[in-house]
Amino acid sequence: MSDPDRPPRRIRTPRGWVRTAVLAGAGALAVAAGATLLPPAGRDAATTPAAIAPAAGAYAETPVSSAGLAQAVTGLRARLKRLPGDHQAWASLGAAYVEQARVTADPSSYAKAEAALGRAAALAPDDAAVLTGQAALAAGRHEFAQAVRLARRATAVNPYGAAAYGVLTDAHTQLGEYRQASEAVQRMMDLKPGVASFTRASYDAELRGDVRRAGELLEAALRDAFDPHDIAYCQYYLGELALRRGDLRRAERRYDEALRAVPQYVPALAGRARVAALGGRLDQAAAGYADVVARLPLAQYVIEYGEVLLKLGRDPGEQWRMLRAQKTLMAANGVRDDLTWAEFEADHGSPAQAVRHAEAEYARNPNMVAADALAWALHKAGRSARALPYAKKATARGWRNALFLHHRGTIERALGRGSGRSFSKAKADNPRFDPKLPALARFS
């Protein structure tokens, strides 16, 4: 009888995979910046609906909670004890574990996903669902080039598999290959318009600076949503879009709608804490963040909480210790999270360490976020002349990102260049932007 959680003696894995879980991305522990089947690239994957079909095809877009994932895993394991040769069930189990790692911030689930997908690949190495699952896992581990290769193989086998185009969208975005990402998400929308494709297309539009179109696409996703978690997810990101434009009232209304769909929905609770902080209600924000971090201590939330405490004149030492303990745990599991640490060290720690992390991140994933992180780290390390080209790259596509514009303006001012245009644009794009709360301006 086969044990679905026990890796086989020989697991056929693509060269370049690591055997341990990698959680990382855009400043959040266990956030795979757009790394798997549903979330727009760069967004908090712990908030997204899952994409598994418990016993049939591996990638039906079925929204589930963490409890639903646990139930799916239990059902799949029971099925595989009876039918150990069912490659679709192995692929579904692998997909469930990928989602579980993202939803629960448990890195051991990625190793379980690798084992399950390895079994699936041993049985059916050229199956499109298996390849898509492998691509999603690679992307979740920030092996984005590998994710592209696997997803392309999946689309070659099945040109009509929308999920593989979702992985391609995410991976190309993280690699800074924006034209290819746009092409992939358009193909995904052509094949299967819905929450998964509309939210990705919304993010693609936002990266080009087309905020109006981004909002329209999120509204289209909301109209398509019927499961409460999908509704909460769409309302949350509509709130985030409003928050990044400085519209705190609209943002709070959207977060409230998300909480009406799914009470105690953690991302929306974090959104409300952001609104309180940016609205000057710092004690209320701190209380909100304390609740959020107790529920789900993602690095993004921990850093936001620490910055609110700093602005209140309180010691964030407990939060920073928690963050560094997470770093130790992640390193022990082979985790690469250079982006989070580049950003954190530049704002709150060692500029030299920030540069080291930012250079490593940019070398692997030369996207706009990594360019900004490297620019800011170099500036904080006293190397503003070298920083400026990266700051220009981070702002070159028209993305209306107040934090990036503020960083560029600060670098230009240090060099005696520019007319303050970057600062003015940052203020126009987001009048509520607060440079003392930089983590709250990072895209969750």
Protein backbone atom coordinates (compact mmCIF):
# COMPACT_ATOMS: atom_id res chain seq x y z
CA MET A 1 0.00 0.00 0.00
CA SER A 2 1.42 3.36 -1.00
CA ASP A 3 1.84 6.25 1.47
CA PRO A 4 0.99 9.48 -0.39
CA ASP A 5 3.15 11.57 1.92
CA ARG A 6 6.27 9.43 1.60
CA PRO A 7 8.58 10.31 -1.32
CA PRO A 8 9.52 7.38 -3.54
CA ARG A 9 13.10 6.21 -3.49
CA ARG A 10 13.68 7.87 -6.84
CA ILE A 11 11.79 11.04 -7.62
CA ARG A 12 11.99 12.32 -11.16
CA THR A 13 12.36 16.04 -10.72
CA PRO A 14 13.53 18.60 -13.23
CA ARG A 15 17.13 19.73 -12.85
CA GLY A 16 17.39 22.87 -10.78
CA TRP A 17 14.61 22.12 -8.30
CA VAL A 18 15.50 22.32 -4.67
CA ARG A 19 14.23 19.76 -2.22
CA THR A 20 13.08 22.21 0.42
CA ALA A 21 10.28 24.71 0.50
CA VAL A 22 10.80 28.21 -0.75
CA LEU A 23 8.38 30.81 0.52
CA ALA A 24 9.23 34.33 -0.49
CA GLY A 25 8.09 37.19 -2.41
CA ALA A 26 7.39 40.88 -2.39
CA GLY A 27 7.94 41.18 1.30
CA ALA A 28 5.84 38.38 2.69
CA LEU A 29 6.72 35.09 4.28
CA ALA A 30 5.05 32.24 2.43
CA VAL A 31 3.97 34.57 -0.30
CA ALA A 32 4.91 33.36 -3.68
CA ALA A 33 4.69 36.58 -5.60
CA GLY A 34 2.22 35.54 -8.20
CA ALA A 35 3.67 32.15 -8.14
CA THR A 36 0.96 29.58 -8.57
CA LEU A 37 -2.37 29.06 -10.21
CA LEU A 38 -4.64 31.96 -9.33
CA PRO A 39 -3.04 35.10 -7.87
CA PRO A 40 -1.86 38.02 -9.92
CA ALA A 41 1.91 38.17 -9.83
CA GLY A 42 3.29 40.01 -6.87
CA ARG A 43 0.15 39.67 -4.81
CA ASP A 44 -0.38 37.85 -1.58
CA ALA A 45 -0.93 34.25 -2.52
CA ALA A 46 -2.10 33.40 0.98
CA THR A 47 -5.31 35.27 0.19
CA THR A 48 -6.22 33.48 -3.01
CA PRO A 49 -8.66 30.73 -3.79
CA ALA A 50 -7.09 27.37 -4.45
CA ALA A 51 -7.06 25.66 -7.81
CA ILE A 52 -7.45 21.95 -7.36
CA ALA A 53 -9.90 19.27 -8.31
CA PRO A 54 -9.74 16.63 -5.60
CA ALA A 55 -10.15 13.51 -7.66
CA ALA A 56 -10.53 14.32 -11.32
CA GLY A 57 -8.49 16.80 -13.33
CA ALA A 58 -5.75 18.46 -11.32
CA TYR A 59 -6.61 22.06 -12.06
CA ALA A 60 -10.26 22.95 -11.95
CA GLU A 61 -10.53 26.37 -10.34
CA THR A 62 -12.25 25.37 -7.12
CA PRO A 63 -12.02 27.99 -4.35
CA VAL A 64 -11.31 26.42 -0.98
CA SER A 65 -10.37 27.57 2.48
CA SER A 66 -7.53 26.08 4.51
CA ALA A 67 -10.08 23.71 6.03
CA GLY A 68 -11.26 22.79 2.54
CA LEU A 69 -7.69 22.11 1.49
CA ALA A 70 -7.14 19.83 4.46
CA GLN A 71 -10.31 17.95 3.55
CA ALA A 72 -9.18 17.65 -0.08
CA VAL A 73 -5.77 16.34 1.00
CA THR A 74 -7.40 13.74 3.25
CA GLY A 75 -9.68 12.59 0.45
CA LEU A 76 -6.88 12.38 -2.08
CA ARG A 77 -4.61 10.44 0.25
CA ALA A 78 -7.41 7.95 0.88
CA ARG A 79 -7.98 7.60 -2.85
CA LEU A 80 -4.29 7.04 -3.55
CA LYS A 81 -4.04 4.29 -0.96
CA ARG A 82 -6.66 2.46 -3.00
CA LEU A 83 -5.42 3.57 -6.45
CA PRO A 84 -1.68 4.32 -6.26
CA GLY A 85 -1.42 4.40 -10.04
CA ASP A 86 -3.83 7.33 -10.48
CA HIS A 87 -1.50 10.03 -11.83
CA GLN A 88 -4.28 12.62 -11.91
CA ALA A 89 -4.91 12.13 -8.20
CA TRP A 90 -1.17 12.44 -7.49
CA ALA A 91 -1.12 15.66 -9.50
CA SER A 92 -4.18 16.93 -7.62
CA LEU A 93 -2.52 16.09 -4.31
CA GLY A 94 0.60 17.97 -5.39
CA ALA A 95 -1.53 20.99 -6.33
CA ALA A 96 -3.32 20.81 -2.99
CA TYR A 97 -0.02 20.81 -1.13
CA VAL A 98 1.24 23.80 -3.12
CA GLU A 99 -1.90 25.68 -2.13
CA GLN A 100 -1.61 24.49 1.46
CA ALA A 101 1.93 25.83 1.72
CA ARG A 102 0.74 29.20 0.52
CA VAL A 103 -2.42 29.42 2.60
CA THR A 104 -0.97 28.15 5.89
CA ALA A 105 2.66 29.39 5.59
CA ASP A 106 3.86 25.84 6.28
CA PRO A 107 7.03 25.21 4.22
CA SER A 108 6.87 21.45 4.71
CA SER A 109 3.89 21.34 2.36
CA TYR A 110 6.13 22.27 -0.59
CA ALA A 111 8.25 19.19 0.02
CA LYS A 112 5.08 17.10 0.11
CA ALA A 113 3.99 18.73 -3.14
CA GLU A 114 7.28 17.82 -4.77
CA ALA A 115 6.91 14.22 -3.67
CA ALA A 116 3.34 13.95 -4.95
CA LEU A 117 4.13 15.63 -8.26
CA GLY A 118 7.20 13.43 -8.59
CA ARG A 119 4.97 10.39 -8.32
CA ALA A 120 2.60 11.87 -10.88
CA ALA A 121 5.48 12.57 -13.27
CA ALA A 122 6.85 9.04 -12.86
CA LEU A 123 3.47 7.72 -13.97
CA ALA A 124 2.71 10.29 -16.69
CA PRO A 125 5.70 12.56 -17.40
CA ASP A 126 4.08 14.28 -20.38
CA ASP A 127 0.64 14.87 -18.92
CA ALA A 128 -0.37 18.54 -19.17
CA ALA A 129 -1.88 18.67 -15.66
CA VAL A 130 1.27 17.15 -14.17
CA LEU A 131 3.49 19.61 -16.02
CA THR A 132 1.28 22.51 -14.93
CA GLY A 133 1.54 21.36 -11.32
CA GLN A 134 5.31 21.12 -11.60
CA ALA A 135 5.42 24.59 -13.13
CA ALA A 136 3.30 25.99 -10.30
CA LEU A 137 5.56 24.40 -7.71
CA ALA A 138 8.68 25.76 -9.41
CA ALA A 139 7.14 29.23 -9.49
CA GLY A 140 6.11 28.94 -5.87
CA ARG A 141 9.77 28.33 -5.06
CA HIS A 142 10.79 31.33 -7.16
CA GLU A 143 12.38 29.15 -9.83
CA PHE A 144 10.66 31.28 -12.44
CA ALA A 145 12.77 30.30 -15.46
CA GLN A 146 12.08 26.66 -14.66
CA ALA A 147 8.39 27.48 -14.27
CA VAL A 148 8.35 29.00 -17.75
CA ARG A 149 9.99 25.91 -19.26
CA LEU A 150 7.53 23.55 -17.59
CA ALA A 151 4.47 25.66 -18.37
CA ARG A 152 5.51 25.90 -22.00
CA ARG A 153 5.75 22.12 -22.12
CA ALA A 154 2.25 21.95 -20.65
CA THR A 155 0.84 24.32 -23.28
CA ALA A 156 2.57 22.35 -26.03
CA VAL A 157 0.79 19.20 -24.83
CA ASN A 158 -2.53 20.98 -24.25
CA PRO A 159 -2.83 24.43 -25.88
CA TYR A 160 -6.25 24.87 -24.24
CA GLY A 161 -5.13 24.55 -20.60
CA ALA A 162 -5.79 27.98 -19.08
CA ALA A 163 -3.98 27.24 -15.80
CA ALA A 164 -0.64 26.77 -17.54
CA TYR A 165 -1.00 30.20 -19.13
CA GLY A 166 -1.63 31.58 -15.65
CA VAL A 167 1.68 30.18 -14.46
CA LEU A 168 3.36 31.59 -17.58
CA THR A 169 1.88 35.01 -16.82
CA ASP A 170 3.16 34.98 -13.27
CA ALA A 171 6.61 33.64 -14.08
CA HIS A 172 7.20 36.01 -17.01
CA THR A 173 6.16 38.94 -14.82
CA GLN A 174 8.61 37.94 -12.10
CA LEU A 175 11.36 37.58 -14.70
CA GLY A 176 10.65 41.11 -15.95
CA GLU A 177 9.39 39.74 -19.27
CA TYR A 178 6.30 41.91 -19.40
CA ARG A 179 5.41 41.55 -23.08
CA GLN A 180 5.38 37.76 -22.75
CA ALA A 181 3.33 38.06 -19.56
CA SER A 182 0.73 40.21 -21.34
CA GLU A 183 0.51 37.72 -24.19
CA ALA A 184 0.07 34.81 -21.77
CA VAL A 185 -2.69 36.48 -19.76
CA GLN A 186 -4.52 37.45 -22.95
CA ARG A 187 -4.42 33.82 -24.04
CA MET A 188 -5.69 32.80 -20.60
CA MET A 189 -8.61 35.22 -20.87
CA ASP A 190 -9.41 33.98 -24.36
CA LEU A 191 -9.52 30.40 -23.10
CA LYS A 192 -11.24 30.93 -19.76
CA PRO A 193 -12.48 34.37 -18.76
CA GLY A 194 -13.10 34.41 -15.03
CA VAL A 195 -11.67 35.34 -11.65
CA ALA A 196 -8.26 33.77 -12.27
CA SER A 197 -7.69 35.45 -15.63
CA PHE A 198 -9.40 38.79 -14.88
CA THR A 199 -7.36 39.36 -11.70
CA ARG A 200 -4.13 38.61 -13.51
CA ALA A 201 -5.11 40.92 -16.36
CA SER A 202 -5.94 43.61 -13.80
CA TYR A 203 -2.44 43.41 -12.37
CA ASP A 204 -0.94 43.45 -15.85
CA ALA A 205 -2.86 46.68 -16.56
CA GLU A 206 -1.77 48.20 -13.25
CA LEU A 207 1.88 47.50 -14.04
CA ARG A 208 1.42 49.57 -17.20
CA GLY A 209 -0.10 52.41 -15.20
CA ASP A 210 -3.64 51.85 -16.50
CA VAL A 211 -5.42 52.05 -13.16
CA ARG A 212 -8.88 52.56 -14.69
CA ARG A 213 -8.57 49.36 -16.73
CA ALA A 214 -7.20 47.53 -13.70
CA GLY A 215 -10.31 48.47 -11.75
CA GLU A 216 -12.63 47.45 -14.58
CA LEU A 217 -11.03 44.03 -14.73
CA LEU A 218 -11.29 43.53 -10.98
CA GLU A 219 -14.96 44.49 -11.17
CA ALA A 220 -15.38 41.92 -13.95
CA ALA A 221 -13.74 39.34 -11.70
CA LEU A 222 -16.11 40.26 -8.89
CA ARG A 223 -19.13 39.87 -11.16
CA ASP A 224 -17.87 36.40 -12.08
CA ALA A 225 -17.27 35.40 -8.46
CA PHE A 226 -19.86 33.39 -6.58
CA ASP A 227 -17.89 31.56 -3.88
CA PRO A 228 -17.46 33.71 -0.72
CA HIS A 229 -13.67 33.37 -0.80
CA ASP A 230 -13.56 34.53 -4.42
CA ILE A 231 -15.80 37.47 -3.53
CA ALA A 232 -13.64 38.40 -0.55
CA TYR A 233 -10.52 38.10 -2.69
CA CYS A 234 -11.86 40.45 -5.37
CA GLN A 235 -13.21 42.96 -2.85
CA TYR A 236 -9.88 42.95 -1.04
CA TYR A 237 -7.91 43.81 -4.16
CA LEU A 238 -10.40 46.49 -5.13
CA GLY A 239 -9.68 47.88 -1.67
CA GLU A 240 -5.95 47.67 -2.29
CA LEU A 241 -6.35 49.48 -5.61
CA ALA A 242 -8.23 52.30 -3.85
CA LEU A 243 -5.68 52.41 -1.02
CA ARG A 244 -2.81 52.86 -3.49
CA ARG A 245 -4.68 55.84 -4.95
CA GLY A 246 -5.08 57.36 -1.49
CA ASP A 247 -8.85 56.82 -1.31
CA LEU A 248 -9.08 55.51 2.25
CA ARG A 249 -12.89 55.60 2.47
CA ARG A 250 -13.38 53.52 -0.62
CA ALA A 251 -10.63 51.14 0.44
CA GLU A 252 -12.24 50.60 3.84
CA ARG A 253 -15.64 49.95 2.25
CA ARG A 254 -14.10 47.28 0.04
CA TYR A 255 -12.34 45.62 2.98
CA ASP A 256 -15.65 45.64 4.88
CA GLU A 257 -17.34 43.95 1.90
CA ALA A 258 -14.61 41.31 1.90
CA LEU A 259 -15.24 40.67 5.59
CA ARG A 260 -18.97 40.41 4.95
CA ALA A 261 -18.25 37.65 2.44
CA VAL A 262 -15.72 35.88 4.70
CA PRO A 263 -15.73 37.02 8.33
CA GLN A 264 -12.23 37.32 9.85
CA TYR A 265 -10.65 37.29 6.36
CA VAL A 266 -7.08 38.12 7.35
CA PRO A 267 -6.02 40.16 4.29
CA ALA A 268 -9.05 42.42 4.76
CA LEU A 269 -8.27 42.78 8.47
CA ALA A 270 -4.76 43.85 7.44
CA GLY A 271 -6.29 46.26 4.94
CA ARG A 272 -8.35 47.89 7.66
CA ALA A 273 -5.21 48.26 9.79
CA ARG A 274 -3.52 49.98 6.83
CA VAL A 275 -6.40 52.40 6.47
CA ALA A 276 -6.22 53.23 10.16
CA ALA A 277 -2.47 53.80 9.99
CA LEU A 278 -2.59 55.99 6.90
CA GLY A 279 -5.54 57.89 8.34
CA GLY A 280 -3.52 58.79 11.43
CA ARG A 281 -5.30 56.39 13.81
CA LEU A 282 -2.08 54.71 14.86
CA ASP A 283 -3.25 53.12 18.12
CA GLN A 284 -6.18 51.54 16.29
CA ALA A 285 -3.80 50.39 13.54
CA ALA A 286 -1.43 48.82 16.07
CA ALA A 287 -4.29 46.92 17.71
CA GLY A 288 -5.43 45.72 14.29
CA TYR A 289 -1.97 44.56 13.31
CA ALA A 290 -1.53 42.75 16.63
CA ASP A 291 -4.64 40.73 15.78
CA VAL A 292 -3.51 40.11 12.21
CA VAL A 293 -0.03 38.94 13.19
CA ALA A 294 -1.47 36.66 15.85
CA ARG A 295 -3.64 35.05 13.18
CA LEU A 296 -1.10 34.86 10.36
CA PRO A 297 2.44 36.15 10.97
CA LEU A 298 3.43 36.76 7.36
CA ALA A 299 6.57 38.85 7.06
CA GLN A 300 4.66 41.60 5.24
CA TYR A 301 2.26 41.99 8.15
CA VAL A 302 5.03 41.79 10.75
CA ILE A 303 6.99 44.57 9.04
CA GLU A 304 3.92 46.78 8.65
CA TYR A 305 3.16 46.29 12.35
CA GLY A 306 6.74 47.15 13.29
CA GLU A 307 6.64 50.36 11.26
CA VAL A 308 3.40 51.46 12.91
CA LEU A 309 5.00 50.84 16.32
CA LEU A 310 8.03 52.91 15.28
CA LYS A 311 5.80 55.80 14.26
CA LEU A 312 4.07 55.56 17.63
CA GLY A 313 7.47 55.82 19.33
CA ARG A 314 7.30 52.23 20.55
CA ASP A 315 9.98 49.58 20.32
CA PRO A 316 9.32 47.11 17.45
CA GLY A 317 12.03 44.80 18.75
CA GLU A 318 9.67 41.87 19.33
CA GLN A 319 8.46 42.10 15.73
CA TRP A 320 11.98 42.33 14.33
CA ARG A 321 13.03 39.33 16.46
CA MET A 322 10.08 37.37 15.10
CA LEU A 323 11.09 38.34 11.58
CA ARG A 324 14.69 37.26 12.07
CA ALA A 325 13.59 34.00 13.65
CA GLN A 326 11.54 33.39 10.51
CA LYS A 327 14.62 34.12 8.42
CA THR A 328 16.61 31.51 10.36
CA LEU A 329 13.83 28.96 9.91
CA MET A 330 13.58 29.73 6.22
CA ALA A 331 17.33 29.45 5.70
CA ALA A 332 17.33 26.10 7.49
CA ASN A 333 14.79 24.93 4.88
CA GLY A 334 16.73 26.28 1.93
CA VAL A 335 14.44 29.26 1.42
CA ARG A 336 15.45 32.15 -0.85
CA ASP A 337 13.77 35.35 0.25
CA ASP A 338 16.21 38.01 -0.89
CA LEU A 339 13.54 40.54 -1.82
CA THR A 340 11.99 40.77 1.62
CA TRP A 341 15.39 41.11 3.23
CA ALA A 342 16.66 43.66 0.72
CA GLU A 343 13.66 45.85 1.51
CA PHE A 344 13.75 45.31 5.26
CA GLU A 345 17.50 45.82 5.68
CA ALA A 346 17.43 48.99 3.56
CA ASP A 347 14.64 50.49 5.68
CA HIS A 348 15.44 49.11 9.12
CA GLY A 349 18.79 47.34 9.19
CA SER A 350 22.11 47.08 7.39
CA PRO A 351 22.44 48.83 3.99
CA ALA A 352 25.36 46.54 3.12
CA GLN A 353 23.18 43.48 3.75
CA ALA A 354 20.39 45.12 1.77
CA VAL A 355 22.68 45.50 -1.25
CA ARG A 356 23.76 41.88 -1.03
CA HIS A 357 20.19 40.62 -0.95
CA ALA A 358 19.00 43.04 -3.65
CA GLU A 359 21.80 42.12 -6.03
CA ALA A 360 21.01 38.44 -5.58
CA GLU A 361 17.30 39.03 -6.21
CA TYR A 362 17.85 41.20 -9.26
CA ALA A 363 20.30 38.70 -10.76
CA ARG A 364 17.60 36.02 -10.68
CA ASN A 365 14.48 38.10 -11.31
CA PRO A 366 15.19 41.45 -13.02
CA ASN A 367 11.70 42.87 -12.64
CA MET A 368 10.59 46.35 -11.56
CA VAL A 369 10.21 45.42 -7.89
CA ALA A 370 13.72 44.00 -7.76
CA ALA A 371 15.05 47.07 -9.59
CA ASP A 372 13.50 49.36 -6.99
CA ALA A 373 14.85 47.25 -4.13
CA LEU A 374 18.35 47.38 -5.59
CA ALA A 375 18.13 51.11 -6.24
CA TRP A 376 17.02 51.85 -2.68
CA ALA A 377 19.61 49.53 -1.13
CA LEU A 378 22.43 51.12 -3.14
CA HIS A 379 21.25 54.60 -2.19
CA LYS A 380 21.06 53.73 1.50
CA ALA A 381 24.58 52.32 1.20
CA GLY A 382 25.81 55.69 -0.14
CA ARG A 383 25.99 54.65 -3.79
CA SER A 384 23.31 56.88 -5.28
CA ALA A 385 24.97 57.28 -8.69
CA ARG A 386 24.88 53.54 -9.20
CA ALA A 387 21.34 53.42 -7.82
CA LEU A 388 19.77 55.86 -10.28
CA PRO A 389 19.65 53.59 -13.38
CA TYR A 390 17.77 50.96 -11.35
CA ALA A 391 15.37 53.58 -9.98
CA LYS A 392 14.68 54.68 -13.56
CA LYS A 393 14.02 51.10 -14.61
CA ALA A 394 11.59 50.62 -11.72
CA THR A 395 9.53 53.62 -12.91
CA ALA A 396 9.99 53.31 -16.67
CA ARG A 397 6.75 51.51 -17.61
CA GLY A 398 4.37 54.02 -16.10
CA TRP A 399 3.47 51.97 -13.03
CA ARG A 400 1.85 54.45 -10.63
CA ASN A 401 3.77 53.28 -7.59
CA ALA A 402 4.26 56.07 -5.05
CA LEU A 403 6.98 54.22 -3.16
CA PHE A 404 9.10 53.72 -6.28
CA LEU A 405 8.64 57.35 -7.29
CA HIS A 406 9.59 58.51 -3.79
CA HIS A 407 12.72 56.36 -3.92
CA ARG A 408 13.65 57.78 -7.32
CA GLY A 409 13.05 61.34 -6.15
CA THR A 410 15.22 60.80 -3.07
CA ILE A 411 18.04 59.38 -5.18
CA GLU A 412 17.80 62.24 -7.68
CA ARG A 413 17.88 64.79 -4.89
CA ALA A 414 20.97 63.15 -3.38
CA LEU A 415 22.69 63.53 -6.76
CA GLY A 416 21.52 67.12 -7.28
CA ARG A 417 19.44 66.05 -10.26
CA GLY A 418 15.80 66.30 -11.18
CA SER A 419 13.27 69.02 -10.43
CA GLY A 420 11.23 67.21 -7.82
CA ARG A 421 8.96 65.76 -10.51
CA SER A 422 9.19 62.26 -9.03
CA PHE A 423 8.05 63.53 -5.62
CA SER A 424 5.19 65.46 -7.22
CA LYS A 425 4.05 62.46 -9.19
CA ALA A 426 4.18 60.24 -6.10
CA LYS A 427 1.99 62.73 -4.24
CA ALA A 428 -0.42 63.02 -7.15
CA ASP A 429 -0.70 59.27 -7.55
CA ASN A 430 -1.20 58.61 -3.85
CA PRO A 431 -1.75 61.64 -1.61
CA ARG A 432 -1.82 59.37 1.46
CA PHE A 433 1.63 57.91 0.87
CA ASP A 434 3.74 58.08 4.04
CA PRO A 435 7.52 57.56 3.64
CA LYS A 436 7.68 56.61 7.33
CA LEU A 437 5.46 53.62 6.58
CA PRO A 438 7.12 52.22 3.45
CA ALA A 439 5.91 48.64 3.93
CA LEU A 440 2.31 49.83 3.75
CA ALA A 441 3.00 51.12 0.23
CA ARG A 442 4.39 47.82 -0.99
CA PHE A 443 2.05 45.72 -3.06
CA SER A 444 0.65 42.86 -1.03
